[in-house]
N, C-alpha and C. Protein backbone atom coordinates (compact mmCIF):
# COMPACT_ATOMS: atom_id res chain seq x y z
N MET A 1 -25.83 7.80 15.65
CA MET A 1 -24.84 8.31 14.72
C MET A 1 -24.26 7.15 13.92
N ASN A 2 -24.16 7.34 12.64
CA ASN A 2 -23.64 6.30 11.75
C ASN A 2 -22.12 6.39 11.68
N THR A 3 -21.43 5.42 12.29
CA THR A 3 -19.96 5.41 12.27
C THR A 3 -19.43 4.50 11.18
N PHE A 4 -20.32 3.84 10.46
CA PHE A 4 -19.89 2.89 9.42
C PHE A 4 -19.15 3.59 8.30
N ASN A 5 -19.63 4.75 7.87
CA ASN A 5 -19.06 5.45 6.72
C ASN A 5 -18.39 6.74 7.16
N LYS A 6 -17.44 6.65 8.11
CA LYS A 6 -16.80 7.85 8.61
C LYS A 6 -15.66 8.33 7.73
N HIS A 7 -15.21 7.51 6.78
CA HIS A 7 -14.12 7.89 5.88
C HIS A 7 -14.67 8.49 4.60
N GLU A 8 -13.96 9.48 4.12
CA GLU A 8 -14.32 10.09 2.84
C GLU A 8 -13.97 9.11 1.72
N PRO A 9 -14.72 9.14 0.63
CA PRO A 9 -14.36 8.28 -0.50
C PRO A 9 -13.03 8.72 -1.10
N VAL A 10 -12.33 7.77 -1.69
CA VAL A 10 -11.06 8.09 -2.35
C VAL A 10 -11.41 8.83 -3.64
N THR A 11 -10.78 9.97 -3.84
CA THR A 11 -11.09 10.78 -5.02
C THR A 11 -10.46 10.19 -6.28
N MET A 12 -10.94 10.61 -7.42
CA MET A 12 -10.38 10.14 -8.69
C MET A 12 -8.91 10.54 -8.81
N GLY A 13 -8.58 11.73 -8.39
CA GLY A 13 -7.19 12.18 -8.43
C GLY A 13 -6.29 11.32 -7.56
N ASN A 14 -6.79 10.94 -6.39
CA ASN A 14 -6.02 10.08 -5.50
C ASN A 14 -5.83 8.70 -6.11
N TRP A 15 -6.89 8.18 -6.76
CA TRP A 15 -6.75 6.88 -7.43
C TRP A 15 -5.76 6.97 -8.58
N MET A 16 -5.77 8.08 -9.33
CA MET A 16 -4.83 8.23 -10.43
C MET A 16 -3.39 8.27 -9.91
N LEU A 17 -3.17 9.00 -8.84
CA LEU A 17 -1.84 9.04 -8.22
C LEU A 17 -1.43 7.65 -7.73
N THR A 18 -2.38 6.93 -7.16
CA THR A 18 -2.11 5.57 -6.70
C THR A 18 -1.68 4.68 -7.87
N MET A 19 -2.38 4.77 -8.99
CA MET A 19 -2.04 3.95 -10.16
C MET A 19 -0.67 4.32 -10.73
N ILE A 20 -0.34 5.61 -10.70
CA ILE A 20 0.98 6.03 -11.19
C ILE A 20 2.07 5.47 -10.29
N VAL A 21 1.87 5.56 -8.97
CA VAL A 21 2.86 5.02 -8.03
C VAL A 21 2.99 3.51 -8.20
N LEU A 22 1.89 2.82 -8.42
CA LEU A 22 1.93 1.37 -8.57
C LEU A 22 2.53 0.93 -9.91
N ALA A 23 2.75 1.85 -10.82
CA ALA A 23 3.38 1.53 -12.11
C ALA A 23 4.90 1.61 -12.03
N ILE A 24 5.45 2.09 -10.91
CA ILE A 24 6.89 2.22 -10.75
C ILE A 24 7.44 0.94 -10.13
N PRO A 25 8.34 0.24 -10.83
CA PRO A 25 8.88 -1.02 -10.29
C PRO A 25 9.55 -0.81 -8.92
N LEU A 26 9.44 -1.79 -8.09
CA LEU A 26 9.96 -1.86 -6.73
C LEU A 26 9.24 -0.91 -5.78
N VAL A 27 9.00 0.31 -6.20
CA VAL A 27 8.23 1.25 -5.37
C VAL A 27 6.81 0.70 -5.19
N ASN A 28 6.29 0.05 -6.24
CA ASN A 28 4.92 -0.48 -6.16
C ASN A 28 4.79 -1.52 -5.05
N LEU A 29 5.77 -2.40 -4.91
CA LEU A 29 5.69 -3.42 -3.85
C LEU A 29 5.76 -2.78 -2.47
N ILE A 30 6.65 -1.83 -2.31
CA ILE A 30 6.77 -1.16 -1.01
C ILE A 30 5.47 -0.45 -0.65
N MET A 31 4.91 0.28 -1.62
CA MET A 31 3.69 1.03 -1.34
C MET A 31 2.48 0.11 -1.17
N LEU A 32 2.43 -1.00 -1.92
CA LEU A 32 1.33 -1.95 -1.73
C LEU A 32 1.32 -2.47 -0.30
N PHE A 33 2.48 -2.87 0.20
CA PHE A 33 2.54 -3.36 1.57
C PHE A 33 2.22 -2.24 2.58
N TYR A 34 2.73 -1.06 2.32
CA TYR A 34 2.45 0.07 3.23
C TYR A 34 0.95 0.38 3.27
N TRP A 35 0.35 0.55 2.09
CA TRP A 35 -1.07 0.88 2.05
C TRP A 35 -1.94 -0.28 2.53
N ALA A 36 -1.53 -1.51 2.30
CA ALA A 36 -2.34 -2.66 2.68
C ALA A 36 -2.39 -2.86 4.19
N PHE A 37 -1.33 -2.48 4.89
CA PHE A 37 -1.26 -2.78 6.32
C PHE A 37 -1.16 -1.55 7.21
N SER A 38 -1.27 -0.36 6.64
CA SER A 38 -1.23 0.86 7.43
C SER A 38 -2.64 1.18 7.94
N SER A 39 -2.73 1.52 9.20
CA SER A 39 -4.05 1.82 9.77
C SER A 39 -4.56 3.19 9.33
N GLY A 40 -3.67 4.06 8.85
CA GLY A 40 -4.09 5.38 8.43
C GLY A 40 -4.59 5.46 7.00
N THR A 41 -4.53 4.35 6.28
CA THR A 41 -4.96 4.33 4.88
C THR A 41 -6.47 4.22 4.80
N ASN A 42 -7.05 4.89 3.83
CA ASN A 42 -8.48 4.79 3.59
C ASN A 42 -8.86 3.31 3.40
N PRO A 43 -9.95 2.85 4.01
CA PRO A 43 -10.32 1.44 3.92
C PRO A 43 -10.49 0.92 2.48
N SER A 44 -10.96 1.75 1.58
CA SER A 44 -11.11 1.32 0.19
C SER A 44 -9.75 1.04 -0.44
N LYS A 45 -8.80 1.94 -0.23
CA LYS A 45 -7.46 1.75 -0.78
C LYS A 45 -6.77 0.57 -0.10
N ARG A 46 -6.95 0.44 1.21
CA ARG A 46 -6.34 -0.67 1.95
C ARG A 46 -6.85 -2.02 1.42
N THR A 47 -8.15 -2.13 1.20
CA THR A 47 -8.72 -3.37 0.69
C THR A 47 -8.24 -3.65 -0.74
N TYR A 48 -8.14 -2.62 -1.56
CA TYR A 48 -7.63 -2.78 -2.92
C TYR A 48 -6.21 -3.31 -2.89
N CYS A 49 -5.36 -2.74 -2.05
CA CYS A 49 -3.97 -3.17 -1.98
C CYS A 49 -3.85 -4.59 -1.43
N GLN A 50 -4.67 -4.94 -0.46
CA GLN A 50 -4.66 -6.31 0.05
C GLN A 50 -5.08 -7.29 -1.02
N ALA A 51 -6.10 -6.95 -1.79
CA ALA A 51 -6.55 -7.83 -2.87
C ALA A 51 -5.48 -7.95 -3.96
N THR A 52 -4.80 -6.85 -4.27
CA THR A 52 -3.74 -6.89 -5.28
C THR A 52 -2.60 -7.79 -4.82
N LEU A 53 -2.23 -7.71 -3.54
CA LEU A 53 -1.19 -8.59 -3.02
C LEU A 53 -1.63 -10.05 -3.06
N MET A 54 -2.88 -10.32 -2.77
CA MET A 54 -3.37 -11.70 -2.82
C MET A 54 -3.37 -12.24 -4.25
N PHE A 55 -3.77 -11.42 -5.22
CA PHE A 55 -3.70 -11.85 -6.61
C PHE A 55 -2.27 -12.12 -7.03
N GLY A 56 -1.33 -11.30 -6.55
CA GLY A 56 0.08 -11.51 -6.85
C GLY A 56 0.57 -12.83 -6.28
N LEU A 57 0.19 -13.14 -5.05
CA LEU A 57 0.56 -14.43 -4.45
C LEU A 57 -0.05 -15.59 -5.21
N LEU A 58 -1.29 -15.44 -5.63
CA LEU A 58 -1.95 -16.48 -6.41
C LEU A 58 -1.23 -16.70 -7.74
N ALA A 59 -0.87 -15.62 -8.42
CA ALA A 59 -0.14 -15.73 -9.69
C ALA A 59 1.22 -16.37 -9.48
N LEU A 60 1.90 -16.00 -8.41
CA LEU A 60 3.21 -16.58 -8.10
C LEU A 60 3.08 -18.08 -7.85
N GLY A 61 2.03 -18.46 -7.15
CA GLY A 61 1.79 -19.89 -6.89
C GLY A 61 1.51 -20.66 -8.17
N ILE A 62 0.73 -20.09 -9.07
CA ILE A 62 0.43 -20.75 -10.33
C ILE A 62 1.69 -20.90 -11.17
N VAL A 63 2.52 -19.88 -11.20
CA VAL A 63 3.78 -19.96 -11.94
C VAL A 63 4.69 -21.01 -11.33
N ALA A 64 4.76 -21.07 -10.01
CA ALA A 64 5.60 -22.07 -9.35
C ALA A 64 5.15 -23.48 -9.68
N VAL A 65 3.84 -23.72 -9.66
CA VAL A 65 3.32 -25.04 -10.01
C VAL A 65 3.62 -25.36 -11.47
N ALA A 66 3.47 -24.39 -12.36
CA ALA A 66 3.76 -24.61 -13.78
C ALA A 66 5.23 -24.95 -14.00
N VAL A 67 6.12 -24.26 -13.30
CA VAL A 67 7.55 -24.55 -13.44
C VAL A 67 7.88 -25.93 -12.92
N ILE A 68 7.31 -26.30 -11.79
CA ILE A 68 7.54 -27.63 -11.24
C ILE A 68 7.03 -28.71 -12.18
N LEU A 69 5.82 -28.51 -12.72
CA LEU A 69 5.26 -29.49 -13.66
C LEU A 69 6.10 -29.59 -14.93
N GLN A 70 6.63 -28.49 -15.38
CA GLN A 70 7.47 -28.50 -16.57
C GLN A 70 8.77 -29.26 -16.31
N GLN A 71 9.34 -29.10 -15.13
CA GLN A 71 10.58 -29.81 -14.79
C GLN A 71 10.32 -31.31 -14.62
N VAL A 72 9.17 -31.66 -14.08
CA VAL A 72 8.83 -33.08 -13.91
C VAL A 72 8.58 -33.74 -15.25
N ALA A 73 8.03 -33.00 -16.21
CA ALA A 73 7.70 -33.56 -17.52
C ALA A 73 8.93 -33.82 -18.38
N LYS A 74 10.08 -33.25 -18.05
CA LYS A 74 11.28 -33.43 -18.86
C LYS A 74 11.86 -34.79 -18.71
């Protein structure tokens, strides 16, 4: 028995609802963390949310380095 693909694919409607929720300020951060670390979340959505959080951390790090470099250059 193939247990690798036991989850149903995320439907287009579910992805659209996800994108609408992620467009709402502050709610998006709460839901990203919830979906990224909840065991009941579909693996595709969980991986997407984890990747989104990682890109956010990367962007925050780049901005922090840019601000520090700008302050040093003054």
